[in-house]
Protein backbone atom coordinates (compact mmCIF):
# COMPACT_ATOMS: atom_id res chain seq x y z
CA MET A 1 67.27 179.83 85.95
CA THR A 2 65.23 177.05 84.74
CA VAL A 3 62.28 175.59 87.08
CA VAL A 4 62.02 171.57 87.09
CA ILE A 5 58.97 170.40 87.89
CA ASP A 6 58.64 166.35 88.25
CA ALA A 7 55.44 165.07 86.59
CA GLU A 8 55.51 161.98 88.40
CA ASN A 9 51.76 161.00 90.11
CA ALA A 10 50.43 164.74 89.11
CA VAL A 11 47.23 165.15 87.60
CA VAL A 12 47.71 166.50 84.01
CA GLY A 13 45.28 169.42 84.26
CA ARG A 14 46.71 170.68 87.54
CA LEU A 15 50.21 170.45 86.27
CA ALA A 16 49.27 172.34 83.11
CA SER A 17 47.77 174.89 84.49
CA ARG A 18 50.71 175.49 87.04
CA VAL A 19 53.23 175.38 84.15
CA ALA A 20 51.36 177.62 81.77
CA LYS A 21 51.35 180.33 85.01
CA LEU A 22 55.00 180.01 85.63
CA ALA A 23 55.62 180.43 81.74
CA LEU A 24 53.43 183.27 81.71
CA MET A 25 55.42 184.85 84.43
CA GLY A 26 58.54 184.66 82.62
CA GLU A 27 60.10 181.48 83.85
CA ASP A 28 61.71 178.81 81.81
CA VAL A 29 59.91 175.61 82.84
CA LEU A 30 61.25 171.92 82.33
CA VAL A 31 58.72 169.39 83.11
CA VAL A 32 60.29 165.45 83.54
CA ASN A 33 59.05 162.29 83.91
CA ALA A 34 55.84 163.33 81.56
CA GLU A 35 55.00 159.64 80.78
CA LYS A 36 54.18 159.15 84.36
CA ALA A 37 51.60 161.90 84.80
CA ILE A 38 47.97 160.68 85.17
CA MET A 39 44.43 161.36 83.69
CA THR A 40 41.65 160.93 85.90
CA GLY A 41 38.64 159.30 84.67
CA ASN A 42 37.33 155.96 83.30
CA LYS A 43 40.01 154.31 81.16
CA GLU A 44 38.02 153.22 78.28
CA PHE A 45 36.26 156.69 77.95
CA ILE A 46 39.69 158.17 77.73
CA PHE A 47 40.94 155.73 75.38
CA ALA A 48 37.99 156.25 72.95
CA LYS A 49 38.14 160.02 73.22
CA TYR A 50 41.80 160.13 72.17
CA THR A 51 41.50 157.42 69.71
CA GLN A 52 38.56 159.31 68.01
CA LEU A 53 40.93 162.33 67.92
CA ARG A 54 43.55 160.70 66.41
CA ASN A 55 41.42 158.90 63.36
CA ARG A 56 39.57 162.32 62.32
CA LYS A 57 39.24 162.23 58.39
CA SER A 58 37.39 164.70 56.13
CA ILE A 59 34.51 163.95 53.98
CA SER A 60 35.24 166.44 51.26
CA ASN A 61 38.87 166.38 50.85
CA PRO A 62 41.10 163.33 51.98
CA ARG A 63 44.18 165.34 52.13
CA ASP A 64 42.83 167.70 54.54
CA MET A 65 43.41 165.41 57.93
CA GLY A 66 43.85 167.84 60.41
CA PRO A 67 44.23 168.79 63.17
CA LYS A 68 46.94 166.34 64.24
CA TYR A 69 47.00 164.90 67.59
CA PRO A 70 50.17 163.57 69.10
CA ARG A 71 51.01 159.96 70.30
CA ARG A 72 54.06 160.36 72.57
CA PRO A 73 53.55 161.35 76.10
CA ASP A 74 55.70 164.40 75.95
CA ASP A 75 53.95 165.82 73.20
CA ILE A 76 50.23 164.92 74.66
CA VAL A 77 51.31 167.12 77.83
CA ARG A 78 52.80 169.55 75.92
CA ARG A 79 49.54 169.82 73.81
CA ILE A 80 47.67 169.96 77.25
CA ILE A 81 49.72 172.73 78.71
CA ARG A 82 49.33 174.64 75.22
CA GLY A 83 45.54 174.59 75.99
CA MET A 84 46.13 176.64 79.14
CA VAL A 85 48.25 179.38 77.16
CA PRO A 86 47.19 182.21 74.94
CA TYR A 87 49.54 180.75 72.33
CA LYS A 88 48.10 182.84 69.49
CA LYS A 89 49.10 186.07 71.08
CA PRO A 90 52.65 187.28 71.28
CA ARG A 91 52.70 187.00 75.03
CA GLY A 92 51.37 183.41 74.92
CA ALA A 93 53.64 182.35 71.94
CA GLU A 94 56.95 183.76 73.99
CA ALA A 95 55.92 181.67 77.34
CA PHE A 96 54.86 178.53 75.33
CA ARG A 97 58.49 178.72 73.90
CA LYS A 98 59.99 178.40 77.31
CA ILE A 99 58.00 175.17 78.25
CA LYS A 100 59.86 171.98 77.57
CA VAL A 101 58.46 168.33 78.47
CA MET A 102 60.67 165.27 78.53
CA VAL A 103 60.10 161.55 78.80
CA GLY A 104 62.17 160.51 81.78
CA ALA A 105 64.26 162.77 83.78
CA PRO A 106 68.00 163.48 82.71
CA GLU A 107 70.79 162.56 85.55
CA ASN A 108 71.59 165.21 88.13
CA THR A 109 68.20 166.48 87.74
CA ASN A 110 66.76 167.77 90.89
CA PRO A 111 63.27 168.84 90.83
CA ASP A 112 62.31 172.14 92.29
CA ILE A 113 58.32 171.29 92.52
CA VAL A 114 57.16 167.80 93.04
CA LEU A 115 53.22 167.72 92.35
CA SER A 116 52.83 164.05 93.61
CA ASP A 117 49.00 164.46 94.76
CA MET A 118 47.41 161.13 94.03
CA PRO A 119 43.73 161.77 93.18
CA ASN A 120 41.14 160.48 95.68
CA THR A 121 40.06 158.18 92.84
CA ASN A 122 41.09 154.88 91.67
CA LYS A 123 39.94 155.48 87.98
CA TYR A 124 43.08 156.84 86.41
CA ILE A 125 45.73 156.19 84.05
CA THR A 126 49.23 157.35 83.20
CA VAL A 127 49.94 159.26 79.97
CA GLY A 128 52.58 156.46 79.12
CA GLU A 129 49.76 154.14 79.12
CA LEU A 130 47.71 156.18 76.83
CA SER A 131 50.53 156.43 74.54
CA LYS A 132 51.04 152.99 74.37
CA HIS A 133 47.56 152.46 73.59
CA LEU A 134 47.90 155.20 70.84
CA GLY A 135 50.81 153.15 69.45
CA ALA A 136 53.73 155.32 70.52
CA LYS A 137 57.08 153.82 70.95
CA PHE A 138 59.17 155.93 73.66
C-alpha cells in the first residue's frame, strides 16, 4: 500500500521530515505536486543560494565539477528528502528507494495526507519558481 502525500502549499522541510519518517517506518511514499511545495525565506537569498550551488567549479581540476545539484522540482524535493534520511546506511538506502516524487498528480489519485499549512509569512517561493529560475523545463 502506497501513502500518497499532496505537497501543494506545504513547506518543503516539514514535508521532507514527514516523508522520511514514513519511509523509515517501512511505508512506500508517493509525493505529488512537488512543484507547488513552498520554501520560506527571502526570494533573492534562495535564488542566490541555489544558483551558487549549481555553479560550483573546482579550481585544481576542471573535470571535478561535483557535487551536482538538480534543477527539476521533483529532483529538488527528492534531494531535500534525502537530507532527512541516513541514505548511506542500509536501512536509510532501503527507505530512500521507497520514496517517489512527481511533478503534478496522476489522474484518479486521492491523497492520503494533505499538508497545506500556509506559513505565517508572506516571504516564500514555490519550488516550481526556483526550478524555472535555474532553467528547468517541466
